[in-house]
């Protein structure tokens, strides 16, 4: 598919057809790079812990937030002053 490069202020740009964006799952923001003389658009990398807080909240609401492995007390813990 060929699309024209258009003037946008002092820059240049293209219009990416909506079906093409939907096909690859691109939305409001993309990562833009140049690789071997090719302009590449990619979905932004998700934050490593993206969604963890919400997932933890849901687990707690379901009462599933129990320890998977119990405490590991040290033999001297009874003698320690906390």
PDB file of N, CA and C in Angstrom:
ATOM      1  N   UNK A   1       0.846  -1.160   0.000  1.00  0.00           N
ATOM      2  CA  UNK A   1       0.000   0.000   0.000  1.00  0.00           C
ATOM      3  C   UNK A   1       0.903   1.238   0.000  1.00  0.00           C
ATOM      4  N   UNK A   2       0.644   2.150  -0.864  1.00  0.00           N
ATOM      5  CA  UNK A   2       1.386   3.411  -0.879  1.00  0.00           C
ATOM      6  C   UNK A   2       0.487   4.522  -0.360  1.00  0.00           C
ATOM      7  N   UNK A   3       1.071   5.367   0.498  1.00  0.00           N
ATOM      8  CA  UNK A   3       0.344   6.512   1.029  1.00  0.00           C
ATOM      9  C   UNK A   3       1.213   7.742   0.834  1.00  0.00           C
ATOM     10  N   UNK A   4       0.596   8.896   0.605  1.00  0.00           N
ATOM     11  CA  UNK A   4       1.395  10.108   0.409  1.00  0.00           C
ATOM     12  C   UNK A   4       1.966  10.652   1.722  1.00  0.00           C
ATOM     13  N   UNK A   5       3.145  11.242   1.635  1.00  0.00           N
ATOM     14  CA  UNK A   5       3.721  11.955   2.770  1.00  0.00           C
ATOM     15  C   UNK A   5       3.202  13.375   2.683  1.00  0.00           C
ATOM     16  N   UNK A   6       2.588  13.845   3.768  1.00  0.00           N
ATOM     17  CA  UNK A   6       1.933  15.148   3.771  1.00  0.00           C
ATOM     18  C   UNK A   6       2.663  16.133   4.679  1.00  0.00           C
ATOM     19  N   UNK A   7       2.492  17.402   4.358  1.00  0.00           N
ATOM     20  CA  UNK A   7       3.038  18.448   5.226  1.00  0.00           C
ATOM     21  C   UNK A   7       2.136  18.580   6.446  1.00  0.00           C
ATOM     22  N   UNK A   8       2.752  18.600   7.644  1.00  0.00           N
ATOM     23  CA  UNK A   8       2.028  18.809   8.893  1.00  0.00           C
ATOM     24  C   UNK A   8       2.839  19.847   9.661  1.00  0.00           C
ATOM     25  N   UNK A   9       2.474  21.111   9.520  1.00  0.00           N
ATOM     26  CA  UNK A   9       3.274  22.187  10.105  1.00  0.00           C
ATOM     27  C   UNK A   9       4.643  22.200   9.455  1.00  0.00           C
ATOM     28  N   UNK A  10       5.692  22.199  10.271  1.00  0.00           N
ATOM     29  CA  UNK A  10       7.053  22.151   9.748  1.00  0.00           C
ATOM     30  C   UNK A  10       7.554  20.729   9.555  1.00  0.00           C
ATOM     31  N   UNK A  11       6.698  19.750   9.835  1.00  0.00           N
ATOM     32  CA  UNK A  11       7.080  18.344   9.734  1.00  0.00           C
ATOM     33  C   UNK A  11       6.381  17.685   8.565  1.00  0.00           C
ATOM     34  N   UNK A  12       6.562  16.390   8.442  1.00  0.00           N
ATOM     35  CA  UNK A  12       5.890  15.588   7.420  1.00  0.00           C
ATOM     36  C   UNK A  12       5.273  14.383   8.119  1.00  0.00           C
ATOM     37  N   UNK A  13       4.200  13.852   7.548  1.00  0.00           N
ATOM     38  CA  UNK A  13       3.548  12.695   8.150  1.00  0.00           C
ATOM     39  C   UNK A  13       2.716  11.934   7.152  1.00  0.00           C
ATOM     40  N   UNK A  14       2.213  10.816   7.608  1.00  0.00           N
ATOM     41  CA  UNK A  14       1.319   9.999   6.787  1.00  0.00           C
ATOM     42  C   UNK A  14       0.065   9.711   7.602  1.00  0.00           C
ATOM     43  N   UNK A  15      -1.000   9.345   6.916  1.00  0.00           N
ATOM     44  CA  UNK A  15      -2.224   8.909   7.563  1.00  0.00           C
ATOM     45  C   UNK A  15      -2.255   7.389   7.448  1.00  0.00           C
ATOM     46  N   UNK A  16      -2.351   6.732   8.607  1.00  0.00           N
ATOM     47  CA  UNK A  16      -2.403   5.271   8.617  1.00  0.00           C
ATOM     48  C   UNK A  16      -3.870   4.866   8.693  1.00  0.00           C
ATOM     49  N   UNK A  17      -4.351   4.103   7.724  1.00  0.00           N
ATOM     50  CA  UNK A  17      -5.764   3.716   7.719  1.00  0.00           C
ATOM     51  C   UNK A  17      -6.160   2.970   8.999  1.00  0.00           C
ATOM     52  N   UNK A  18      -7.352   3.261   9.500  1.00  0.00           N
ATOM     53  CA  UNK A  18      -7.853   2.686  10.739  1.00  0.00           C
ATOM     54  C   UNK A  18      -7.830   1.151  10.726  1.00  0.00           C
ATOM     55  N   UNK A  19      -8.242   0.488   9.637  1.00  0.00           N
ATOM     56  CA  UNK A  19      -8.202  -0.984   9.631  1.00  0.00           C
ATOM     57  C   UNK A  19      -6.783  -1.527   9.815  1.00  0.00           C
ATOM     58  N   UNK A  20      -5.800  -0.823   9.286  1.00  0.00           N
ATOM     59  CA  UNK A  20      -4.406  -1.255   9.438  1.00  0.00           C
ATOM     60  C   UNK A  20      -3.964  -1.127  10.897  1.00  0.00           C
ATOM     61  N   UNK A  21      -4.337  -0.018  11.541  1.00  0.00           N
ATOM     62  CA  UNK A  21      -4.009   0.161  12.956  1.00  0.00           C
ATOM     63  C   UNK A  21      -4.675  -0.918  13.808  1.00  0.00           C
ATOM     64  N   UNK A  22      -5.932  -1.204  13.514  1.00  0.00           N
ATOM     65  CA  UNK A  22      -6.658  -2.231  14.264  1.00  0.00           C
ATOM     66  C   UNK A  22      -6.035  -3.607  14.053  1.00  0.00           C
ATOM     67  N   UNK A  23      -5.588  -3.878  12.855  1.00  0.00           N
ATOM     68  CA  UNK A  23      -5.004  -5.183  12.523  1.00  0.00           C
ATOM     69  C   UNK A  23      -3.779  -5.484  13.381  1.00  0.00           C
ATOM     70  N   UNK A  24      -2.974  -4.469  13.652  1.00  0.00           N
ATOM     71  CA  UNK A  24      -1.750  -4.685  14.438  1.00  0.00           C
ATOM     72  C   UNK A  24      -1.898  -4.240  15.890  1.00  0.00           C
ATOM     73  N   UNK A  25      -3.053  -3.691  16.256  1.00  0.00           N
ATOM     74  CA  UNK A  25      -3.319  -3.322  17.637  1.00  0.00           C
ATOM     75  C   UNK A  25      -2.657  -2.032  18.097  1.00  0.00           C
ATOM     76  N   UNK A  26      -2.388  -1.109  17.187  1.00  0.00           N
ATOM     77  CA  UNK A  26      -1.815   0.175  17.573  1.00  0.00           C
ATOM     78  C   UNK A  26      -2.945   1.115  17.966  1.00  0.00           C
ATOM     79  N   UNK A  27      -2.682   1.905  19.039  1.00  0.00           N
ATOM     80  CA  UNK A  27      -3.722   2.799  19.521  1.00  0.00           C
ATOM     81  C   UNK A  27      -3.224   4.235  19.553  1.00  0.00           C
ATOM     82  N   UNK A  28      -3.153   4.847  20.723  1.00  0.00           N
ATOM     83  CA  UNK A  28      -2.866   6.278  20.832  1.00  0.00           C
ATOM     84  C   UNK A  28      -1.385   6.622  20.739  1.00  0.00           C
ATOM     85  N   UNK A  29      -0.503   5.710  21.172  1.00  0.00           N
ATOM     86  CA  UNK A  29       0.928   5.991  21.207  1.00  0.00           C
ATOM     87  C   UNK A  29       1.672   4.797  20.630  1.00  0.00           C
ATOM     88  N   UNK A  30       2.749   5.069  19.906  1.00  0.00           N
ATOM     89  CA  UNK A  30       3.590   4.007  19.353  1.00  0.00           C
ATOM     90  C   UNK A  30       5.052   4.303  19.665  1.00  0.00           C
ATOM     91  N   UNK A  31       5.866   3.263  19.643  1.00  0.00           N
ATOM     92  CA  UNK A  31       7.316   3.438  19.676  1.00  0.00           C
ATOM     93  C   UNK A  31       7.765   3.550  18.235  1.00  0.00           C
ATOM     94  N   UNK A  32       8.532   4.592  17.936  1.00  0.00           N
ATOM     95  CA  UNK A  32       8.995   4.866  16.578  1.00  0.00           C
ATOM     96  C   UNK A  32      10.506   4.734  16.548  1.00  0.00           C
ATOM     97  N   UNK A  33      11.009   3.861  15.674  1.00  0.00           N
ATOM     98  CA  UNK A  33      12.453   3.670  15.547  1.00  0.00           C
ATOM     99  C   UNK A  33      12.816   3.577  14.074  1.00  0.00           C
ATOM    100  N   UNK A  34      14.108   3.671  13.811  1.00  0.00           N
ATOM    101  CA  UNK A  34      14.630   3.444  12.466  1.00  0.00           C
ATOM    102  C   UNK A  34      15.546   2.236  12.554  1.00  0.00           C
ATOM    103  N   UNK A  35      15.280   1.240  11.724  1.00  0.00           N
ATOM    104  CA  UNK A  35      16.082   0.025  11.689  1.00  0.00           C
ATOM    105  C   UNK A  35      16.481  -0.266  10.248  1.00  0.00           C
ATOM    106  N   UNK A  36      17.768  -0.152   9.992  1.00  0.00           N
ATOM    107  CA  UNK A  36      18.314  -0.429   8.652  1.00  0.00           C
ATOM    108  C   UNK A  36      17.542   0.318   7.564  1.00  0.00           C
ATOM    109  N   UNK A  37      17.478   1.606   7.699  1.00  0.00           N
ATOM    110  CA  UNK A  37      16.813   2.482   6.732  1.00  0.00           C
ATOM    111  C   UNK A  37      15.307   2.232   6.610  1.00  0.00           C
ATOM    112  N   UNK A  38      14.706   1.690   7.652  1.00  0.00           N
ATOM    113  CA  UNK A  38      13.271   1.428   7.657  1.00  0.00           C
ATOM    114  C   UNK A  38      12.660   2.077   8.894  1.00  0.00           C
ATOM    115  N   UNK A  39      11.568   2.809   8.717  1.00  0.00           N
ATOM    116  CA  UNK A  39      10.839   3.387   9.842  1.00  0.00           C
ATOM    117  C   UNK A  39       9.936   2.298  10.399  1.00  0.00           C
ATOM    118  N   UNK A  40      10.055   2.042  11.710  1.00  0.00           N
ATOM    119  CA  UNK A  40       9.314   0.958  12.350  1.00  0.00           C
ATOM    120  C   UNK A  40       8.425   1.531  13.451  1.00  0.00           C
ATOM    121  N   UNK A  41       7.145   1.166  13.438  1.00  0.00           N
ATOM    122  CA  UNK A  41       6.198   1.519  14.493  1.00  0.00           C
ATOM    123  C   UNK A  41       5.883   0.255  15.271  1.00  0.00           C
ATOM    124  N   UNK A  42       5.941   0.348  16.594  1.00  0.00           N
ATOM    125  CA  UNK A  42       5.620  -0.799  17.449  1.00  0.00           C
ATOM    126  C   UNK A  42       4.735  -0.353  18.602  1.00  0.00           C
ATOM    127  N   UNK A  43       3.996  -1.310  19.151  1.00  0.00           N
ATOM    128  CA  UNK A  43       3.238  -1.037  20.370  1.00  0.00           C
ATOM    129  C   UNK A  43       4.257  -0.705  21.453  1.00  0.00           C
ATOM    130  N   UNK A  44       3.952   0.263  22.297  1.00  0.00           N
ATOM    131  CA  UNK A  44       4.870   0.556  23.395  1.00  0.00           C
ATOM    132  C   UNK A  44       4.993  -0.647  24.320  1.00  0.00           C
ATOM    133  N   UNK A  45       6.191  -0.852  24.825  1.00  0.00           N
ATOM    134  CA  UNK A  45       6.396  -1.945  25.771  1.00  0.00           C
ATOM    135  C   UNK A  45       5.593  -1.652  27.031  1.00  0.00           C
ATOM    136  N   UNK A  46       4.883  -2.649  27.481  1.00  0.00           N
ATOM    137  CA  UNK A  46       4.103  -2.484  28.709  1.00  0.00           C
ATOM    138  C   UNK A  46       5.049  -2.401  29.890  1.00  0.00           C
ATOM    139  N   UNK A  47       4.677  -1.622  30.861  1.00  0.00           N
ATOM    140  CA  UNK A  47       5.473  -1.556  32.077  1.00  0.00           C
ATOM    141  C   UNK A  47       5.540  -2.950  32.673  1.00  0.00           C
ATOM    142  N   UNK A  48       6.684  -3.311  33.208  1.00  0.00           N
ATOM    143  CA  UNK A  48       6.889  -4.653  33.726  1.00  0.00           C
ATOM    144  C   UNK A  48       5.825  -5.039  34.737  1.00  0.00           C
ATOM    145  N   UNK A  49       5.432  -4.101  35.569  1.00  0.00           N
ATOM    146  CA  UNK A  49       4.454  -4.411  36.610  1.00  0.00           C
ATOM    147  C   UNK A  49       3.082  -3.826  36.301  1.00  0.00           C
ATOM    148  N   UNK A  50       2.846  -3.557  35.052  1.00  0.00           N
ATOM    149  CA  UNK A  50       1.567  -2.980  34.666  1.00  0.00           C
ATOM    150  C   UNK A  50       0.432  -3.924  35.046  1.00  0.00           C
ATOM    151  N   UNK A  51      -0.539  -3.418  35.780  1.00  0.00           N
ATOM    152  CA  UNK A  51      -1.703  -4.201  36.152  1.00  0.00           C
ATOM    153  C   UNK A  51      -1.562  -5.010  37.437  1.00  0.00           C
ATOM    154  N   UNK A  52      -0.367  -5.017  38.036  1.00  0.00           N
ATOM    155  CA  UNK A  52      -0.161  -5.814  39.247  1.00  0.00           C
ATOM    156  C   UNK A  52      -1.032  -5.327  40.403  1.00  0.00           C
ATOM    157  N   UNK A  53      -1.127  -4.024  40.590  1.00  0.00           N
ATOM    158  CA  UNK A  53      -1.889  -3.497  41.715  1.00  0.00           C
ATOM    159  C   UNK A  53      -3.358  -3.919  41.619  1.00  0.00           C
ATOM    160  N   UNK A  54      -3.923  -3.803  40.445  1.00  0.00           N
ATOM    161  CA  UNK A  54      -5.320  -4.198  40.250  1.00  0.00           C
ATOM    162  C   UNK A  54      -5.486  -5.701  40.451  1.00  0.00           C
ATOM    163  N   UNK A  55      -4.561  -6.492  39.953  1.00  0.00           N
ATOM    164  CA  UNK A  55      -4.638  -7.945  40.118  1.00  0.00           C
ATOM    165  C   UNK A  55      -4.547  -8.317  41.598  1.00  0.00           C
ATOM    166  N   UNK A  56      -3.659  -7.648  42.340  1.00  0.00           N
ATOM    167  CA  UNK A  56      -3.518  -7.921  43.773  1.00  0.00           C
ATOM    168  C   UNK A  56      -4.795  -7.551  44.519  1.00  0.00           C
ATOM    169  N   UNK A  57      -5.415  -6.443  44.140  1.00  0.00           N
ATOM    170  CA  UNK A  57      -6.658  -6.033  44.770  1.00  0.00           C
ATOM    171  C   UNK A  57      -7.738  -7.092  44.553  1.00  0.00           C
ATOM    172  N   UNK A  58      -7.832  -7.617  43.333  1.00  0.00           N
ATOM    173  CA  UNK A  58      -8.843  -8.628  43.029  1.00  0.00           C
ATOM    174  C   UNK A  58      -8.597  -9.919  43.799  1.00  0.00           C
ATOM    175  N   UNK A  59      -7.335 -10.313  43.928  1.00  0.00           N
ATOM    176  CA  UNK A  59      -6.997 -11.509  44.695  1.00  0.00           C
ATOM    177  C   UNK A  59      -7.408 -11.322  46.152  1.00  0.00           C
ATOM    178  N   UNK A  60      -7.125 -10.151  46.712  1.00  0.00           N
ATOM    179  CA  UNK A  60      -7.490  -9.866  48.105  1.00  0.00           C
ATOM    180  C   UNK A  60      -9.009  -9.880  48.285  1.00  0.00           C
ATOM    181  N   UNK A  61      -9.732  -9.316  47.329  1.00  0.00           N
ATOM    182  CA  UNK A  61     -11.204  -9.301  47.416  1.00  0.00           C
ATOM    183  C   UNK A  61     -11.777 -10.713  47.425  1.00  0.00           C
ATOM    184  N   UNK A  62     -11.142 -11.626  46.708  1.00  0.00           N
ATOM    185  CA  UNK A  62     -11.609 -13.014  46.657  1.00  0.00           C
ATOM    186  C   UNK A  62     -11.115 -13.823  47.863  1.00  0.00           C
ATOM    187  N   UNK A  63     -10.298 -13.199  48.719  1.00  0.00           N
ATOM    188  CA  UNK A  63      -9.778 -13.901  49.888  1.00  0.00           C
ATOM    189  C   UNK A  63      -8.711 -14.918  49.552  1.00  0.00           C
ATOM    190  N   UNK A  64      -8.075 -14.757  48.413  1.00  0.00           N
ATOM    191  CA  UNK A  64      -7.061 -15.706  47.962  1.00  0.00           C
ATOM    192  C   UNK A  64      -5.643 -15.211  48.244  1.00  0.00           C
ATOM    193  N   UNK A  65      -5.508 -14.221  49.124  1.00  0.00           N
ATOM    194  CA  UNK A  65      -4.192 -13.635  49.377  1.00  0.00           C
ATOM    195  C   UNK A  65      -3.518 -14.264  50.597  1.00  0.00           C
ATOM    196  N   UNK A  66      -3.492 -15.586  50.603  1.00  0.00           N
ATOM    197  CA  UNK A  66      -2.825 -16.315  51.681  1.00  0.00           C
ATOM    198  C   UNK A  66      -1.386 -16.605  51.268  1.00  0.00           C
ATOM    199  N   UNK A  67      -0.527 -16.837  52.273  1.00  0.00           N
ATOM    200  CA  UNK A  67       0.860 -17.153  51.974  1.00  0.00           C
ATOM    201  C   UNK A  67       0.948 -18.497  51.268  1.00  0.00           C
ATOM    202  N   UNK A  68       1.694 -18.563  50.187  1.00  0.00           N
ATOM    203  CA  UNK A  68       1.890 -19.821  49.481  1.00  0.00           C
ATOM    204  C   UNK A  68       2.828 -20.724  50.270  1.00  0.00           C
ATOM    205  N   UNK A  69       3.773 -20.120  50.961  1.00  0.00           N
ATOM    206  CA  UNK A  69       4.718 -20.841  51.813  1.00  0.00           C
ATOM    207  C   UNK A  69       4.677 -20.147  53.165  1.00  0.00           C
ATOM    208  N   UNK A  70       4.584 -20.920  54.216  1.00  0.00           N
ATOM    209  CA  UNK A  70       4.492 -20.338  55.548  1.00  0.00           C
ATOM    210  C   UNK A  70       5.740 -19.572  55.951  1.00  0.00           C
ATOM    211  N   UNK A  71       5.706 -19.032  57.168  1.00  0.00           N
ATOM    212  CA  UNK A  71       6.858 -18.305  57.699  1.00  0.00           C
ATOM    213  C   UNK A  71       8.040 -19.253  57.878  1.00  0.00           C
ATOM    214  N   UNK A  72       9.227 -18.698  57.833  1.00  0.00           N
ATOM    215  CA  UNK A  72      10.451 -19.446  58.062  1.00  0.00           C
ATOM    216  C   UNK A  72      11.145 -18.875  59.291  1.00  0.00           C
ATOM    217  N   UNK A  73      10.680 -19.215  60.471  1.00  0.00           N
ATOM    218  CA  UNK A  73      11.299 -18.636  61.660  1.00  0.00           C
ATOM    219  C   UNK A  73      12.697 -19.204  61.883  1.00  0.00           C
ATOM    220  N   UNK A  74      13.542 -18.400  62.457  1.00  0.00           N
ATOM    221  CA  UNK A  74      14.868 -18.839  62.863  1.00  0.00           C
ATOM    222  C   UNK A  74      14.773 -19.387  64.277  1.00  0.00           C
ATOM    223  N   UNK A  75      15.642 -20.300  64.603  1.00  0.00           N
ATOM    224  CA  UNK A  75      15.624 -20.920  65.928  1.00  0.00           C
ATOM    225  C   UNK A  75      15.758 -19.877  67.031  1.00  0.00           C
ATOM    226  N   UNK A  76      16.498 -18.795  66.759  1.00  0.00           N
ATOM    227  CA  UNK A  76      16.751 -17.765  67.772  1.00  0.00           C
ATOM    228  C   UNK A  76      15.661 -16.702  67.842  1.00  0.00           C
ATOM    229  N   UNK A  77      14.631 -16.784  67.028  1.00  0.00           N
ATOM    230  CA  UNK A  77      13.617 -15.727  66.993  1.00  0.00           C
ATOM    231  C   UNK A  77      12.929 -15.505  68.336  1.00  0.00           C
ATOM    232  N   UNK A  78      12.711 -16.575  69.099  1.00  0.00           N
ATOM    233  CA  UNK A  78      12.035 -16.444  70.392  1.00  0.00           C
ATOM    234  C   UNK A  78      12.859 -15.607  71.371  1.00  0.00           C
ATOM    235  N   UNK A  79      14.167 -15.596  71.181  1.00  0.00           N
ATOM    236  CA  UNK A  79      15.058 -14.866  72.088  1.00  0.00           C
ATOM    237  C   UNK A  79      15.316 -13.435  71.620  1.00  0.00           C
ATOM    238  N   UNK A  80      14.911 -13.096  70.404  1.00  0.00           N
ATOM    239  CA  UNK A  80      15.185 -11.774  69.864  1.00  0.00           C
ATOM    240  C   UNK A  80      14.227 -10.742  70.418  1.00  0.00           C
ATOM    241  N   UNK A  81      14.739  -9.530  70.626  1.00  0.00           N
ATOM    242  CA  UNK A  81      13.892  -8.430  71.064  1.00  0.00           C
ATOM    243  C   UNK A  81      13.512  -7.621  69.836  1.00  0.00           C
ATOM    244  N   UNK A  82      12.237  -7.580  69.518  1.00  0.00           N
ATOM    245  CA  UNK A  82      11.774  -6.861  68.333  1.00  0.00           C
ATOM    246  C   UNK A  82      11.301  -5.533  68.774  1.00  0.00           C
TER     247      UNK A  82
END
